[in-house]
Amino acid sequence: MTVKISSAISAIALIFSLLILSSCREREETVRCFPDVPVNVILNLNLPAYYELQNVNGWIYVNEQQAGTRGLIVVRTTNGFKIYDRNAPHLCPGNDTTLRVENGIRIVCPQDGAEWILITGEPIKNAQISPKTYRYNLDPSGILTIFN
């Protein structure tokens, strides 16, 4: 009888642990007050304005209509691009929550000093989640389409 009770307790503990682990993986990408806006940007990478995106680690800001909540940060990576929304993912939009690139290697939130690695978006200081990213398509002629 002791073996049955012990087995039952072990099974319950296992199920409880799995529930906790799965709920941790289902976190939201941003805080609940993060604006949900349409993103639809087309960049012709052959133009001089986008020269920085020809090389790995090159980046630019994109500030135009339908470019995220506060604009975008577009980064050339070793296997494509990363497109980040410039609003801090961990804070409700405010006067000082527009992300900026520093030293060409990290993204920084001016409000609380949170930092992320530019090329990967991985949090490195004061943040638990990465900046919001958007999807893209690069056609063979050099047209980069960014969308959500």
Protein backbone atom coordinates (compact mmCIF):
# COMPACT_ATOMS: atom_id res chain seq x y z
CA MET A 1 0.00 0.00 0.00
CA THR A 2 2.87 2.36 0.76
CA VAL A 3 4.27 1.72 -2.73
CA LYS A 4 0.91 2.67 -4.32
CA ILE A 5 0.69 5.92 -2.33
CA SER A 6 4.30 6.75 -3.16
CA SER A 7 3.67 6.04 -6.86
CA ALA A 8 0.53 8.18 -6.84
CA ILE A 9 2.36 11.09 -5.19
CA SER A 10 5.19 10.78 -7.70
CA ALA A 11 2.71 10.79 -10.61
CA ILE A 12 0.93 13.87 -9.24
CA ALA A 13 4.26 15.65 -8.72
CA LEU A 14 5.30 14.81 -12.29
CA ILE A 15 2.04 16.11 -13.76
CA PHE A 16 2.25 19.31 -11.66
CA SER A 17 5.84 19.89 -12.80
CA LEU A 18 4.90 19.43 -16.46
CA LEU A 19 2.02 21.90 -16.11
CA ILE A 20 4.32 24.51 -14.59
CA LEU A 21 6.95 24.04 -17.31
CA SER A 22 4.43 24.25 -20.15
CA SER A 23 2.83 27.40 -18.73
CA CYS A 24 6.26 29.06 -18.56
CA ARG A 25 6.82 28.41 -22.26
CA GLU A 26 3.49 30.02 -23.17
CA ARG A 27 4.44 33.55 -22.13
CA GLU A 28 3.40 36.50 -24.20
CA GLU A 29 5.87 38.10 -26.60
CA THR A 30 5.32 41.59 -25.10
CA VAL A 31 3.52 43.29 -22.23
CA ARG A 32 -0.26 43.39 -22.60
CA CYS A 33 -0.33 47.16 -23.30
CA PHE A 34 1.99 46.83 -26.33
CA PRO A 35 0.13 48.33 -29.32
CA ASP A 36 -0.96 45.94 -32.05
CA VAL A 37 -0.29 47.83 -35.28
CA PRO A 38 -0.10 46.79 -38.91
CA VAL A 39 3.42 46.46 -40.34
CA ASN A 40 3.93 46.66 -44.08
CA VAL A 41 7.27 48.07 -45.28
CA ILE A 42 9.07 47.56 -48.58
CA LEU A 43 12.79 48.37 -48.85
CA ASN A 44 14.81 48.26 -52.04
CA LEU A 45 18.20 47.13 -50.70
CA ASN A 46 19.86 48.25 -53.95
CA LEU A 47 19.35 51.91 -52.99
CA PRO A 48 22.16 53.82 -51.21
CA ALA A 49 19.93 54.50 -48.19
CA TYR A 50 20.08 50.79 -47.34
CA TYR A 51 23.80 50.22 -48.00
CA GLU A 52 24.37 49.26 -44.34
CA LEU A 53 22.17 46.19 -44.84
CA GLN A 54 24.55 44.73 -47.44
CA ASN A 55 26.90 43.46 -44.68
CA VAL A 56 26.40 41.19 -41.67
CA ASN A 57 25.87 43.27 -38.49
CA GLY A 58 24.77 46.27 -40.57
CA TRP A 59 21.63 47.92 -39.28
CA ILE A 60 19.28 50.84 -39.94
CA TYR A 61 16.26 52.53 -38.39
CA VAL A 62 13.10 52.57 -40.48
CA ASN A 63 10.66 55.34 -39.57
CA GLU A 64 7.70 55.46 -41.93
CA GLN A 65 4.02 54.64 -41.95
CA GLN A 66 3.18 51.07 -41.01
CA ALA A 67 6.66 50.52 -39.54
CA GLY A 68 5.80 49.24 -36.08
CA THR A 69 4.78 51.27 -33.06
CA ARG A 70 7.83 53.56 -32.98
CA GLY A 71 9.66 52.50 -36.13
CA LEU A 72 11.84 49.47 -36.79
CA ILE A 73 15.41 48.36 -36.34
CA VAL A 74 16.47 46.22 -39.31
CA VAL A 75 19.65 44.16 -38.82
CA ARG A 76 21.54 41.99 -41.31
CA THR A 77 22.44 38.65 -39.69
CA THR A 78 24.57 35.79 -40.93
CA ASN A 79 21.52 33.99 -42.31
CA GLY A 80 19.07 36.78 -43.12
CA PHE A 81 17.58 39.66 -41.18
CA LYS A 82 16.13 40.50 -37.78
CA ILE A 83 13.43 43.15 -37.71
CA TYR A 84 12.66 44.61 -34.28
CA ASP A 85 9.92 46.98 -33.18
CA ARG A 86 11.50 50.03 -31.54
CA ASN A 87 9.06 50.08 -28.61
CA ALA A 88 10.44 48.36 -25.50
CA PRO A 89 8.71 44.94 -25.27
CA HIS A 90 8.67 44.91 -21.46
CA LEU A 91 7.18 48.37 -20.83
CA CYS A 92 3.95 50.10 -21.74
CA PRO A 93 4.63 52.81 -24.33
CA GLY A 94 5.83 56.03 -22.73
CA ASN A 95 7.98 59.07 -23.37
CA ASP A 96 11.24 57.18 -23.03
CA THR A 97 10.55 53.64 -24.28
CA THR A 98 11.86 53.93 -27.85
CA LEU A 99 14.70 51.45 -28.29
CA ARG A 100 17.99 52.62 -29.79
CA VAL A 101 21.14 50.91 -31.04
CA GLU A 102 24.38 51.63 -29.16
CA ASN A 103 27.89 50.94 -30.45
CA GLY A 104 26.45 48.81 -33.26
CA ILE A 105 26.25 45.82 -30.91
CA ARG A 106 23.34 46.24 -28.52
CA ILE A 107 19.80 47.60 -28.31
CA VAL A 108 19.08 49.79 -25.27
CA CYS A 109 15.91 51.04 -23.59
CA PRO A 110 16.54 54.60 -22.37
CA GLN A 111 13.89 54.38 -19.63
CA ASP A 112 15.38 51.57 -17.55
CA GLY A 113 18.67 50.66 -19.24
CA ALA A 114 17.47 47.23 -20.42
CA GLU A 115 19.76 45.81 -23.09
CA TRP A 116 19.62 43.18 -25.83
CA ILE A 117 22.21 41.77 -28.24
CA LEU A 118 21.61 43.51 -31.58
CA ILE A 119 22.18 40.54 -33.87
CA THR A 120 20.07 38.03 -31.88
CA GLY A 121 17.69 40.06 -29.70
CA GLU A 122 18.74 38.05 -26.65
CA PRO A 123 18.20 39.96 -23.36
CA ILE A 124 21.42 40.82 -21.51
CA LYS A 125 20.35 43.34 -18.86
CA ASN A 126 17.09 44.26 -17.04
CA ALA A 127 14.81 42.35 -19.46
CA GLN A 128 13.31 38.89 -19.59
CA ILE A 129 11.89 39.01 -23.12
CA SER A 130 13.34 39.93 -26.50
CA PRO A 131 12.16 42.88 -28.59
CA LYS A 132 9.11 42.16 -30.73
CA THR A 133 10.14 40.92 -34.17
CA TYR A 134 8.41 40.95 -37.52
CA ARG A 135 8.52 38.60 -40.48
CA TYR A 136 10.14 39.42 -43.79
CA ASN A 137 10.64 38.20 -47.32
CA LEU A 138 13.70 38.96 -49.46
CA ASP A 139 13.23 38.44 -53.18
CA PRO A 140 16.16 37.79 -55.55
CA SER A 141 16.09 41.36 -56.90
CA GLY A 142 16.91 42.81 -53.45
CA ILE A 143 13.42 43.86 -52.34
CA LEU A 144 12.93 43.31 -48.60
CA THR A 145 9.27 43.16 -47.55
CA ILE A 146 8.58 43.42 -43.81
CA PHE A 147 5.17 42.44 -42.43
CA ASN A 148 3.26 41.01 -39.49
